[in-house]
Amino acid sequence: MGMQLDEQMVEFKVQTDDIWTQMLGLGAATPSTRQRRQGKDQYGAYEAQGVNAGPVCGKSLPSSPLTWYRGFLVTVVNSSFG
């Protein structure tokens, strides 16, 4: 099983390296494209607008503060671990 996973990882790396090379050939990852992407009127300067209607299922989010932890949005219920 581990050998199969290693083979799949190598195959994935080869494919993504090839895709990245093609993207560079199209002009991706240049300072000018980054500047355009992060410009004032582009999606890099996105600001949310409107009102959050809330969840469709009828459940609401907890009133505890939300925070990011290792890539996950979590709620802080109690900061003491006693």
N, C-alpha and C. Protein backbone atom coordinates (compact mmCIF):
# COMPACT_ATOMS: atom_id res chain seq x y z
N MET A 1 0.83 -1.18 0.00
CA MET A 1 0.00 0.00 0.00
C MET A 1 0.87 1.25 0.00
N GLY A 2 1.92 1.28 0.80
CA GLY A 2 2.80 2.43 0.87
C GLY A 2 3.51 2.67 -0.45
N MET A 3 3.87 1.60 -1.14
CA MET A 3 4.54 1.72 -2.43
C MET A 3 3.60 2.33 -3.47
N GLN A 4 2.34 1.91 -3.43
CA GLN A 4 1.34 2.44 -4.36
C GLN A 4 1.13 3.93 -4.11
N LEU A 5 1.08 4.32 -2.85
CA LEU A 5 0.92 5.73 -2.51
C LEU A 5 2.11 6.54 -3.00
N ASP A 6 3.32 6.01 -2.81
CA ASP A 6 4.52 6.69 -3.29
C ASP A 6 4.47 6.89 -4.80
N GLU A 7 4.03 5.87 -5.53
CA GLU A 7 3.93 5.96 -6.99
C GLU A 7 2.91 7.02 -7.39
N GLN A 8 1.79 7.07 -6.69
CA GLN A 8 0.76 8.07 -7.01
C GLN A 8 1.26 9.48 -6.70
N MET A 9 2.03 9.62 -5.63
CA MET A 9 2.57 10.93 -5.29
C MET A 9 3.57 11.41 -6.35
N VAL A 10 4.40 10.50 -6.83
CA VAL A 10 5.37 10.84 -7.88
C VAL A 10 4.62 11.24 -9.15
N GLU A 11 3.60 10.47 -9.51
CA GLU A 11 2.81 10.77 -10.70
C GLU A 11 2.13 12.15 -10.57
N PHE A 12 1.59 12.43 -9.40
CA PHE A 12 0.95 13.72 -9.16
C PHE A 12 1.96 14.86 -9.31
N LYS A 13 3.16 14.68 -8.75
CA LYS A 13 4.19 15.71 -8.84
C LYS A 13 4.59 15.96 -10.28
N VAL A 14 4.74 14.91 -11.06
CA VAL A 14 5.10 15.06 -12.47
C VAL A 14 4.01 15.84 -13.21
N GLN A 15 2.76 15.50 -12.96
CA GLN A 15 1.64 16.18 -13.62
C GLN A 15 1.57 17.65 -13.22
N THR A 16 1.70 17.93 -11.93
CA THR A 16 1.59 19.32 -11.49
C THR A 16 2.79 20.15 -11.95
N ASP A 17 3.98 19.54 -11.99
CA ASP A 17 5.14 20.26 -12.51
C ASP A 17 4.94 20.61 -13.98
N ASP A 18 4.36 19.69 -14.74
CA ASP A 18 4.09 19.93 -16.16
C ASP A 18 3.06 21.05 -16.32
N ILE A 19 2.01 21.01 -15.52
CA ILE A 19 0.98 22.06 -15.58
C ILE A 19 1.58 23.41 -15.21
N TRP A 20 2.42 23.44 -14.18
CA TRP A 20 3.05 24.70 -13.76
C TRP A 20 3.94 25.25 -14.87
N THR A 21 4.69 24.38 -15.53
CA THR A 21 5.54 24.82 -16.65
C THR A 21 4.69 25.42 -17.76
N GLN A 22 3.56 24.79 -18.05
CA GLN A 22 2.66 25.33 -19.08
C GLN A 22 2.10 26.68 -18.65
N MET A 23 1.75 26.82 -17.38
CA MET A 23 1.22 28.10 -16.89
C MET A 23 2.27 29.20 -17.00
N LEU A 24 3.52 28.87 -16.68
CA LEU A 24 4.59 29.86 -16.81
C LEU A 24 4.75 30.28 -18.26
N GLY A 25 4.58 29.33 -19.19
CA GLY A 25 4.65 29.65 -20.61
C GLY A 25 3.54 30.58 -21.06
N LEU A 26 2.43 30.56 -20.34
CA LEU A 26 1.30 31.43 -20.66
C LEU A 26 1.41 32.79 -19.98
N GLY A 27 2.45 32.97 -19.17
CA GLY A 27 2.66 34.26 -18.51
C GLY A 27 2.20 34.31 -17.07
N ALA A 28 1.94 33.18 -16.47
CA ALA A 28 1.53 33.16 -15.06
C ALA A 28 2.75 33.42 -14.18
N ALA A 29 2.50 33.88 -12.99
CA ALA A 29 3.52 34.07 -11.95
C ALA A 29 4.57 35.11 -12.31
N THR A 30 4.18 36.12 -13.06
CA THR A 30 5.10 37.23 -13.33
C THR A 30 4.72 38.39 -12.42
N PRO A 31 5.65 39.28 -12.15
CA PRO A 31 5.31 40.42 -11.28
C PRO A 31 4.14 41.25 -11.81
N SER A 32 4.04 41.38 -13.13
CA SER A 32 2.94 42.19 -13.67
C SER A 32 1.59 41.53 -13.48
N THR A 33 1.51 40.19 -13.62
CA THR A 33 0.22 39.53 -13.42
C THR A 33 -0.16 39.56 -11.94
N ARG A 34 0.81 39.44 -11.07
CA ARG A 34 0.51 39.52 -9.64
C ARG A 34 -0.02 40.90 -9.29
N GLN A 35 0.60 41.93 -9.85
CA GLN A 35 0.16 43.29 -9.58
C GLN A 35 -1.26 43.51 -10.09
N ARG A 36 -1.58 42.96 -11.26
CA ARG A 36 -2.94 43.08 -11.79
C ARG A 36 -3.93 42.34 -10.90
N ARG A 37 -3.58 41.12 -10.46
CA ARG A 37 -4.49 40.33 -9.62
C ARG A 37 -4.78 41.03 -8.30
N GLN A 38 -3.79 41.70 -7.75
CA GLN A 38 -3.95 42.31 -6.44
C GLN A 38 -4.30 43.79 -6.53
N GLY A 39 -4.65 44.24 -7.71
CA GLY A 39 -5.00 45.64 -7.90
C GLY A 39 -6.27 46.02 -7.17
N LYS A 40 -6.50 47.31 -7.07
CA LYS A 40 -7.63 47.84 -6.31
C LYS A 40 -8.97 47.33 -6.83
N ASP A 41 -9.10 47.20 -8.14
CA ASP A 41 -10.38 46.82 -8.73
C ASP A 41 -10.46 45.33 -9.07
N GLN A 42 -9.55 44.53 -8.58
CA GLN A 42 -9.53 43.11 -8.90
C GLN A 42 -9.92 42.29 -7.68
N TYR A 43 -9.96 40.98 -7.85
CA TYR A 43 -10.41 40.11 -6.76
C TYR A 43 -9.44 40.06 -5.60
N GLY A 44 -8.22 40.54 -5.76
CA GLY A 44 -7.29 40.60 -4.64
C GLY A 44 -7.71 41.61 -3.59
N ALA A 45 -8.55 42.56 -4.00
CA ALA A 45 -9.03 43.60 -3.08
C ALA A 45 -10.50 43.38 -2.75
N TYR A 46 -10.93 42.14 -2.76
CA TYR A 46 -12.34 41.79 -2.54
C TYR A 46 -12.79 42.19 -1.15
N GLU A 47 -13.93 42.79 -1.09
CA GLU A 47 -14.57 43.09 0.20
C GLU A 47 -15.99 42.55 0.15
N ALA A 48 -16.37 41.82 1.14
CA ALA A 48 -17.71 41.24 1.18
C ALA A 48 -18.74 42.34 1.32
N GLN A 49 -19.86 42.15 0.66
CA GLN A 49 -20.94 43.11 0.75
C GLN A 49 -22.24 42.36 0.96
N GLY A 50 -23.24 43.05 1.43
CA GLY A 50 -24.54 42.43 1.61
C GLY A 50 -24.74 41.91 3.01
N VAL A 51 -25.78 41.11 3.16
CA VAL A 51 -26.15 40.58 4.46
C VAL A 51 -26.11 39.06 4.40
N ASN A 52 -25.56 38.45 5.42
CA ASN A 52 -25.55 37.00 5.49
C ASN A 52 -26.92 36.53 5.95
N ALA A 53 -27.59 35.79 5.08
CA ALA A 53 -28.95 35.35 5.39
C ALA A 53 -28.98 34.23 6.42
N GLY A 54 -27.86 33.63 6.70
CA GLY A 54 -27.81 32.54 7.67
C GLY A 54 -27.96 31.20 7.00
N PRO A 55 -27.78 30.13 7.75
CA PRO A 55 -27.85 28.79 7.17
C PRO A 55 -29.26 28.43 6.73
N VAL A 56 -29.34 27.59 5.71
CA VAL A 56 -30.62 27.17 5.17
C VAL A 56 -31.28 26.13 6.05
N CYS A 57 -30.49 25.32 6.73
CA CYS A 57 -31.04 24.21 7.50
C CYS A 57 -31.75 24.65 8.78
N GLY A 58 -31.68 25.92 9.11
CA GLY A 58 -32.36 26.40 10.31
C GLY A 58 -31.47 26.45 11.53
N LYS A 59 -30.28 25.87 11.45
CA LYS A 59 -29.36 25.92 12.58
C LYS A 59 -28.52 27.17 12.46
N SER A 60 -28.25 27.79 13.57
CA SER A 60 -27.43 29.00 13.55
C SER A 60 -26.04 28.67 14.05
N LEU A 61 -25.11 29.55 13.75
CA LEU A 61 -23.75 29.38 14.23
C LEU A 61 -23.70 29.63 15.73
N PRO A 62 -22.76 29.03 16.42
CA PRO A 62 -22.63 29.27 17.86
C PRO A 62 -22.28 30.72 18.12
N SER A 63 -22.66 31.20 19.30
CA SER A 63 -22.37 32.58 19.65
C SER A 63 -20.94 32.77 20.10
N SER A 64 -20.22 31.67 20.30
CA SER A 64 -18.82 31.76 20.70
C SER A 64 -17.99 32.31 19.54
N PRO A 65 -16.87 32.95 19.85
CA PRO A 65 -16.03 33.49 18.78
C PRO A 65 -15.46 32.38 17.90
N LEU A 66 -15.37 32.66 16.62
CA LEU A 66 -14.80 31.72 15.67
C LEU A 66 -13.38 32.12 15.37
N THR A 67 -12.52 31.13 15.13
CA THR A 67 -11.13 31.40 14.80
C THR A 67 -10.61 30.28 13.90
N TRP A 68 -9.54 30.57 13.17
CA TRP A 68 -8.90 29.56 12.32
C TRP A 68 -7.84 28.83 13.13
N TYR A 69 -7.84 27.51 13.04
CA TYR A 69 -6.84 26.69 13.71
C TYR A 69 -6.41 25.59 12.76
N ARG A 70 -5.14 25.65 12.33
CA ARG A 70 -4.58 24.65 11.42
C ARG A 70 -5.45 24.43 10.18
N GLY A 71 -5.96 25.51 9.63
CA GLY A 71 -6.74 25.42 8.40
C GLY A 71 -8.21 25.13 8.58
N PHE A 72 -8.68 25.06 9.82
CA PHE A 72 -10.08 24.78 10.09
C PHE A 72 -10.71 25.93 10.86
N LEU A 73 -11.95 26.25 10.55
CA LEU A 73 -12.68 27.26 11.30
C LEU A 73 -13.29 26.58 12.52
N VAL A 74 -12.88 27.03 13.70
CA VAL A 74 -13.34 26.40 14.94
C VAL A 74 -13.95 27.45 15.85
N THR A 75 -14.75 27.00 16.78
CA THR A 75 -15.34 27.89 17.76
C THR A 75 -14.65 27.68 19.10
N VAL A 76 -14.39 28.77 19.80
CA VAL A 76 -13.75 28.70 21.11
C VAL A 76 -14.86 28.65 22.15
N VAL A 77 -15.02 27.50 22.79
CA VAL A 77 -16.08 27.32 23.76
C VAL A 77 -15.60 27.68 25.15
N ASN A 78 -14.45 27.15 25.53
CA ASN A 78 -13.92 27.40 26.86
C ASN A 78 -12.40 27.37 26.75
N SER A 79 -11.76 28.43 27.19
CA SER A 79 -10.31 28.50 27.04
C SER A 79 -9.56 27.78 28.16
N SER A 80 -10.26 27.31 29.20
CA SER A 80 -9.58 26.57 30.27
C SER A 80 -9.75 25.08 30.03
N PHE A 81 -8.68 24.35 30.24
CA PHE A 81 -8.71 22.90 30.00
C PHE A 81 -8.56 22.15 31.32
N GLY A 82 -9.23 22.55 32.35
CA GLY A 82 -9.08 21.95 33.66
C GLY A 82 -9.89 20.79 33.84
